[in-house]
Amino acid sequence: MTSQSITQVSFYKYLSVSSATAVLTNQTLRWATPQTFNDPADMQMDFGVSYDRDSVVERTLDLICARCAGTAPPAANAVGHVMDQFREYFQSRGEEFIRAEMRPGIEASLAKLAPSVARMSADLRKGLATTKVICFSVRRDSTLMWSHYAESHAGIVLEFRNAANRDSPYKIARPVMYSNRIPQFYDDETIARILAGDAKVEMDVVDRLIYTKSDDWAYEHEWRIDTGDGRLPNAPVEYVEFFTEELHAVYFGCRATDATRSALIPIISMKYPHAEIWQVRRATNTYALDFDRVS
């Protein structure tokens, strides 16, 4: 999604009455580390290492032969640079020699791949332990979300949007990918390219840990923002102020009480006079939720 289109996306925060009261009163949002999430696997998994051994070996040999022939892309790691350094030697010995000479090393590297990735995963989990993340949904009408995160429809949903002329964090929000497999290290082709010196391990592997969850959570339609350790690196949670203009609307659940509305509407009207106020209503002819504009 482009930066132009992200400005049109609304981000919804499902909250209990007490949490919504704190957010609206203090004008802050909660950013938290993975250990505080309700999913214990979130950002806390090892990368999966799954590949076809014979296929990777043969593809790696093909790529190494191409490098020795001078037709490979620029070297991307130490293996590639070493192969470039000895290119003339390998060229003089021929492809059959190259394949026989390099095969044992490739097979040995593959044998070490899984434990190496496990160590890398542990290091990344340690680094991510202090990362502060904020999570939103891009749906306001999820009955499950209202049930699970907004006091069984008695709570509140806050709608946030990118504010013009403000350095809003929503510009860098990214969708969570849902999968029935844990994040994978790399596919066969990329593993072969790394072993042959044509590619290196990129930082996008970290993104796969941050932005991949089990498909059990797909109903959340989650987008999240990761900005690193935040202002308090050693704190599991921190509360960060948001711009007044970023709060676009407030939705009262279909079970919200008159007392909740009486307590919060004055705060909204005073602190966020531009914000829309909506009342959610349970439809009687469908399972969907209806929304009535209050002000």
Protein backbone atom coordinates (compact mmCIF):
# COMPACT_ATOMS: atom_id res chain seq x y z
CA MET A 1 0.00 0.00 0.00
CA THR A 2 1.41 3.39 -0.95
CA SER A 3 1.87 6.34 1.38
CA GLN A 4 -0.83 8.12 -0.61
CA SER A 5 -3.44 5.45 0.05
CA ILE A 6 -2.45 4.87 3.70
CA THR A 7 -3.85 8.31 4.52
CA GLN A 8 -7.30 6.96 3.68
CA VAL A 9 -7.10 4.02 6.11
CA SER A 10 -8.84 4.18 9.47
CA PHE A 11 -7.37 2.36 12.44
CA TYR A 12 -9.72 1.12 15.15
CA LYS A 13 -8.83 0.53 18.78
CA TYR A 14 -11.24 -1.70 20.71
CA LEU A 15 -11.24 -0.81 24.40
CA SER A 16 -12.97 -1.40 27.70
CA VAL A 17 -14.77 1.57 29.25
CA SER A 18 -11.98 2.13 31.77
CA SER A 19 -9.25 1.95 29.11
CA ALA A 20 -11.16 4.26 26.76
CA THR A 21 -11.67 6.73 29.60
CA ALA A 22 -7.92 6.75 30.28
CA VAL A 23 -7.06 7.18 26.58
CA LEU A 24 -9.51 10.02 26.06
CA THR A 25 -8.65 11.79 29.31
CA ASN A 26 -4.86 11.48 29.08
CA GLN A 27 -4.68 11.66 25.27
CA THR A 28 -2.21 8.78 25.22
CA LEU A 29 -2.08 5.34 23.64
CA ARG A 30 -0.45 2.21 25.04
CA TRP A 31 2.61 0.83 23.25
CA ALA A 32 3.76 -2.55 24.53
CA THR A 33 6.42 -5.24 24.21
CA PRO A 34 5.66 -8.78 22.92
CA GLN A 35 5.71 -10.32 26.39
CA THR A 36 2.56 -8.35 27.24
CA PHE A 37 0.57 -9.60 24.21
CA ASN A 38 -2.34 -11.98 24.64
CA ASP A 39 -0.80 -14.33 22.06
CA PRO A 40 2.31 -15.93 23.64
CA ALA A 41 3.64 -16.86 20.19
CA ASP A 42 3.45 -13.32 18.82
CA MET A 43 6.96 -12.20 17.78
CA GLN A 44 8.37 -15.05 19.87
CA MET A 45 8.82 -17.84 17.31
CA ASP A 46 11.84 -19.50 15.74
CA PHE A 47 11.99 -19.27 11.97
CA GLY A 48 10.96 -22.41 10.20
CA VAL A 49 13.63 -24.05 8.05
CA SER A 50 12.01 -26.15 5.35
CA TYR A 51 13.61 -26.91 2.01
CA ASP A 52 14.26 -29.64 -0.55
CA ARG A 53 17.87 -30.60 0.14
CA ASP A 54 18.69 -32.07 -3.28
CA SER A 55 17.02 -29.21 -5.11
CA VAL A 56 18.91 -26.59 -3.12
CA VAL A 57 22.24 -28.36 -3.63
CA GLU A 58 21.80 -28.57 -7.40
CA ARG A 59 20.54 -25.01 -7.71
CA THR A 60 23.46 -23.73 -5.61
CA LEU A 61 25.92 -25.56 -7.87
CA ASP A 62 24.26 -24.03 -10.94
CA LEU A 63 24.65 -20.54 -9.46
CA ILE A 64 28.27 -21.16 -8.44
CA CYS A 65 29.07 -22.32 -11.97
CA ALA A 66 27.47 -19.15 -13.30
CA ARG A 67 29.66 -17.10 -10.97
CA CYS A 68 32.76 -18.91 -12.12
CA ALA A 69 31.70 -18.22 -15.70
CA GLY A 70 31.36 -14.51 -14.93
CA THR A 71 27.61 -14.34 -15.52
CA ALA A 72 26.46 -14.01 -11.90
CA PRO A 73 25.30 -10.77 -10.24
CA PRO A 74 27.75 -8.87 -8.00
CA ALA A 75 28.83 -10.83 -4.95
CA ALA A 76 26.52 -10.23 -1.99
CA ASN A 77 28.38 -12.06 0.77
CA ALA A 78 31.77 -13.53 1.69
CA VAL A 79 31.21 -16.71 -0.34
CA GLY A 80 30.60 -14.70 -3.48
CA HIS A 81 33.71 -12.60 -2.94
CA VAL A 82 35.89 -15.69 -2.43
CA MET A 83 34.49 -17.31 -5.56
CA ASP A 84 35.20 -14.13 -7.54
CA GLN A 85 38.75 -14.10 -6.22
CA PHE A 86 39.39 -17.67 -7.46
CA ARG A 87 37.24 -17.45 -10.59
CA GLU A 88 40.10 -17.98 -13.05
CA TYR A 89 41.29 -21.06 -11.15
CA PHE A 90 37.85 -22.66 -11.19
CA GLN A 91 37.27 -21.71 -14.83
CA SER A 92 40.47 -23.48 -15.79
CA ARG A 93 39.36 -26.70 -14.08
CA GLY A 94 35.92 -26.89 -15.66
CA GLU A 95 32.33 -27.32 -14.50
CA GLU A 96 32.60 -30.97 -13.52
CA PHE A 97 35.47 -30.15 -11.17
CA ILE A 98 33.56 -27.18 -9.70
CA ARG A 99 30.53 -29.30 -8.94
CA ALA A 100 32.56 -32.10 -7.36
CA GLU A 101 34.69 -29.69 -5.37
CA MET A 102 31.85 -27.52 -4.05
CA ARG A 103 29.19 -30.14 -3.34
CA PRO A 104 30.54 -31.34 0.05
CA GLY A 105 30.79 -27.77 1.34
CA ILE A 106 27.24 -26.97 0.26
CA GLU A 107 25.92 -30.12 1.91
CA ALA A 108 27.83 -29.30 5.10
CA SER A 109 26.42 -25.77 5.12
CA LEU A 110 22.89 -27.10 4.74
CA ALA A 111 23.45 -29.51 7.63
CA LYS A 112 24.32 -26.52 9.82
CA LEU A 113 21.51 -24.32 8.54
CA ALA A 114 18.76 -25.30 10.99
CA PRO A 115 20.86 -24.84 14.17
CA SER A 116 22.29 -21.60 12.77
CA VAL A 117 18.80 -20.25 12.11
CA ALA A 118 17.70 -21.34 15.59
CA ARG A 119 20.56 -19.32 17.12
CA MET A 120 19.69 -16.35 14.92
CA SER A 121 16.04 -16.64 15.96
CA ALA A 122 16.99 -16.62 19.64
CA ASP A 123 19.10 -13.50 19.13
CA LEU A 124 16.26 -11.77 17.26
CA ARG A 125 13.74 -12.68 19.99
CA LYS A 126 16.08 -11.15 22.54
CA GLY A 127 16.30 -7.97 20.48
CA LEU A 128 12.55 -7.82 19.91
CA ALA A 129 11.84 -8.24 23.63
CA THR A 130 12.17 -4.48 24.14
CA THR A 131 10.41 -3.44 20.92
CA LYS A 132 7.28 -1.34 21.46
CA VAL A 133 4.35 -2.11 19.18
CA ILE A 134 0.85 -0.70 18.90
CA CYS A 135 -1.92 -2.73 17.29
CA PHE A 136 -5.15 -1.72 15.57
CA SER A 137 -7.89 -3.29 13.52
CA VAL A 138 -9.03 -1.89 10.19
CA ARG A 139 -12.61 -2.97 10.90
CA ARG A 140 -15.06 -1.25 13.20
CA ASP A 141 -17.79 -3.86 12.80
CA SER A 142 -16.17 -7.09 13.98
CA THR A 143 -18.54 -8.72 16.45
CA LEU A 144 -15.70 -10.89 17.73
CA MET A 145 -13.47 -7.89 18.34
CA TRP A 146 -16.27 -6.09 20.15
CA SER A 147 -16.79 -9.20 22.25
CA HIS A 148 -13.14 -9.93 23.05
CA TYR A 149 -11.67 -6.45 23.49
CA ALA A 150 -14.55 -4.06 24.20
CA GLU A 151 -16.28 -5.63 27.18
CA SER A 152 -18.70 -7.78 25.20
CA HIS A 153 -20.02 -4.75 23.28
CA ALA A 154 -20.36 -2.56 26.38
CA GLY A 155 -17.06 -0.80 25.63
CA ILE A 156 -15.75 1.70 23.12
CA VAL A 157 -13.98 1.75 19.77
CA LEU A 158 -11.77 4.71 18.90
CA GLU A 159 -11.06 5.50 15.24
CA PHE A 160 -7.70 7.04 14.41
CA ARG A 161 -6.52 8.47 11.11
CA ASN A 162 -3.40 10.07 9.76
CA ALA A 163 -3.59 13.81 10.54
CA ALA A 164 -2.65 16.29 7.84
CA ASN A 165 0.53 18.26 8.56
CA ARG A 166 1.33 16.01 11.51
CA ASP A 167 4.01 13.36 11.88
CA SER A 168 1.44 10.66 12.49
CA PRO A 169 2.79 7.13 13.03
CA TYR A 170 -0.06 5.65 10.97
CA LYS A 171 1.95 6.46 7.86
CA ILE A 172 4.19 3.49 8.66
CA ALA A 173 1.45 1.09 9.78
CA ARG A 174 1.63 -2.33 8.14
CA PRO A 175 -0.85 -5.18 7.90
CA VAL A 176 -0.30 -8.40 9.79
CA MET A 177 -0.02 -11.49 7.61
CA TYR A 178 -1.87 -14.57 8.90
CA SER A 179 -0.52 -18.05 8.24
CA ASN A 180 -0.93 -21.65 9.36
CA ARG A 181 2.88 -21.94 9.30
CA ILE A 182 5.41 -20.12 11.46
CA PRO A 183 7.51 -17.54 9.56
CA GLN A 184 9.95 -19.31 7.28
CA PHE A 185 13.62 -18.42 7.01
CA TYR A 186 13.80 -18.39 3.21
CA ASP A 187 12.54 -20.43 0.29
CA ASP A 188 14.70 -22.88 -1.69
CA GLU A 189 15.77 -20.35 -4.31
CA THR A 190 16.87 -17.74 -1.79
CA ILE A 191 18.75 -20.30 0.31
CA ALA A 192 20.60 -21.39 -2.83
CA ARG A 193 21.42 -17.80 -3.72
CA ILE A 194 22.82 -17.16 -0.23
CA LEU A 195 24.96 -20.30 -0.36
CA ALA A 196 26.23 -19.35 -3.81
CA GLY A 197 27.15 -15.81 -2.79
CA ASP A 198 24.42 -14.09 -4.83
CA ALA A 199 22.36 -12.90 -1.84
CA LYS A 200 22.66 -12.15 1.85
CA VAL A 201 20.36 -12.46 4.83
CA GLU A 202 18.29 -9.27 4.75
CA MET A 203 16.54 -7.46 7.58
CA ASP A 204 13.16 -8.40 6.09
CA VAL A 205 13.45 -11.61 8.11
CA VAL A 206 12.84 -9.50 11.23
CA ASP A 207 9.72 -8.02 9.64
CA ARG A 208 8.36 -11.51 9.10
CA LEU A 209 8.59 -12.12 12.85
CA ILE A 210 6.90 -8.82 13.68
CA TYR A 211 4.14 -8.94 11.08
CA THR A 212 3.18 -12.63 10.94
CA LYS A 213 0.66 -14.32 13.24
CA SER A 214 -1.23 -17.58 13.34
CA ASP A 215 -4.31 -17.60 11.13
CA ASP A 216 -6.32 -18.27 14.32
CA TRP A 217 -6.10 -14.49 14.79
CA ALA A 218 -7.20 -13.52 11.28
CA TYR A 219 -10.54 -12.19 12.54
CA GLU A 220 -8.66 -9.24 14.06
CA HIS A 221 -7.75 -7.74 10.65
CA GLU A 222 -4.78 -6.28 12.43
CA TRP A 223 -2.36 -3.57 11.38
CA ARG A 224 0.51 -2.65 13.63
CA ILE A 225 3.22 -0.06 14.07
CA ASP A 226 6.73 -0.86 15.29
CA THR A 227 9.01 2.04 16.20
CA GLY A 228 11.76 0.23 18.08
CA ASP A 229 12.48 0.46 21.80
CA GLY A 230 10.55 3.69 22.34
CA ARG A 231 11.43 6.33 24.88
CA LEU A 232 11.65 3.88 27.79
CA PRO A 233 13.62 0.87 26.47
CA ASN A 234 13.47 -1.07 29.72
CA ALA A 235 9.75 -0.59 30.31
CA PRO A 236 7.35 -3.30 29.07
CA VAL A 237 4.69 -0.64 28.39
CA GLU A 238 4.72 3.07 27.72
CA TYR A 239 1.97 5.58 27.09
CA VAL A 240 2.58 7.97 24.22
CA GLU A 241 0.60 11.12 23.49
CA PHE A 242 -1.30 11.31 20.20
CA PHE A 243 -2.34 14.39 18.24
CA THR A 244 -5.86 15.63 18.91
CA GLU A 245 -6.62 15.63 15.19
CA GLU A 246 -5.79 11.93 14.88
CA LEU A 247 -8.91 10.88 16.79
CA HIS A 248 -11.54 10.81 14.04
CA ALA A 249 -14.48 9.11 15.78
CA VAL A 250 -15.71 7.39 18.92
CA TYR A 251 -18.12 4.43 18.82
CA PHE A 252 -20.19 3.34 21.80
CA GLY A 253 -20.95 -0.37 21.85
CA CYS A 254 -24.50 -1.62 21.52
CA ARG A 255 -24.44 -2.53 25.23
CA ALA A 256 -22.83 0.72 26.38
CA THR A 257 -24.72 2.22 29.31
CA ASP A 258 -26.18 5.68 29.70
CA ALA A 259 -23.65 6.22 32.47
CA THR A 260 -20.78 5.48 30.06
CA ARG A 261 -22.11 7.89 27.48
CA SER A 262 -22.78 10.57 30.09
CA ALA A 263 -19.22 10.26 31.41
CA LEU A 264 -17.38 10.22 28.07
CA ILE A 265 -19.32 12.44 25.68
CA PRO A 266 -18.42 15.63 27.62
CA ILE A 267 -14.73 14.65 27.50
CA ILE A 268 -14.95 14.01 23.76
CA SER A 269 -16.80 17.27 23.10
CA MET A 270 -14.29 19.30 25.11
CA LYS A 271 -10.98 17.71 24.09
CA TYR A 272 -11.85 16.44 20.60
CA PRO A 273 -14.62 18.72 19.27
CA HIS A 274 -14.01 17.60 15.69
CA ALA A 275 -14.45 13.88 16.51
CA GLU A 276 -17.59 12.14 15.34
CA ILE A 277 -19.66 10.25 17.92
CA TRP A 278 -21.51 7.09 16.91
CA GLN A 279 -23.80 4.61 18.60
CA VAL A 280 -23.55 0.98 17.56
CA ARG A 281 -26.82 -0.87 17.28
CA ARG A 282 -27.46 -4.59 16.96
CA ALA A 283 -29.48 -5.27 13.83
CA THR A 284 -32.46 -7.58 14.28
CA ASN A 285 -32.63 -8.86 10.70
CA THR A 286 -28.95 -9.74 10.27
CA TYR A 287 -25.86 -10.63 12.31
CA ALA A 288 -24.24 -7.34 11.28
CA LEU A 289 -23.89 -4.25 13.44
CA ASP A 290 -25.52 -0.95 12.50
CA PHE A 291 -24.02 2.47 13.20
CA ASP A 292 -25.98 5.63 14.02
CA ARG A 293 -24.28 9.02 13.98
CA VAL A 294 -24.92 10.87 17.25
CA SER A 295 -22.95 14.03 16.56
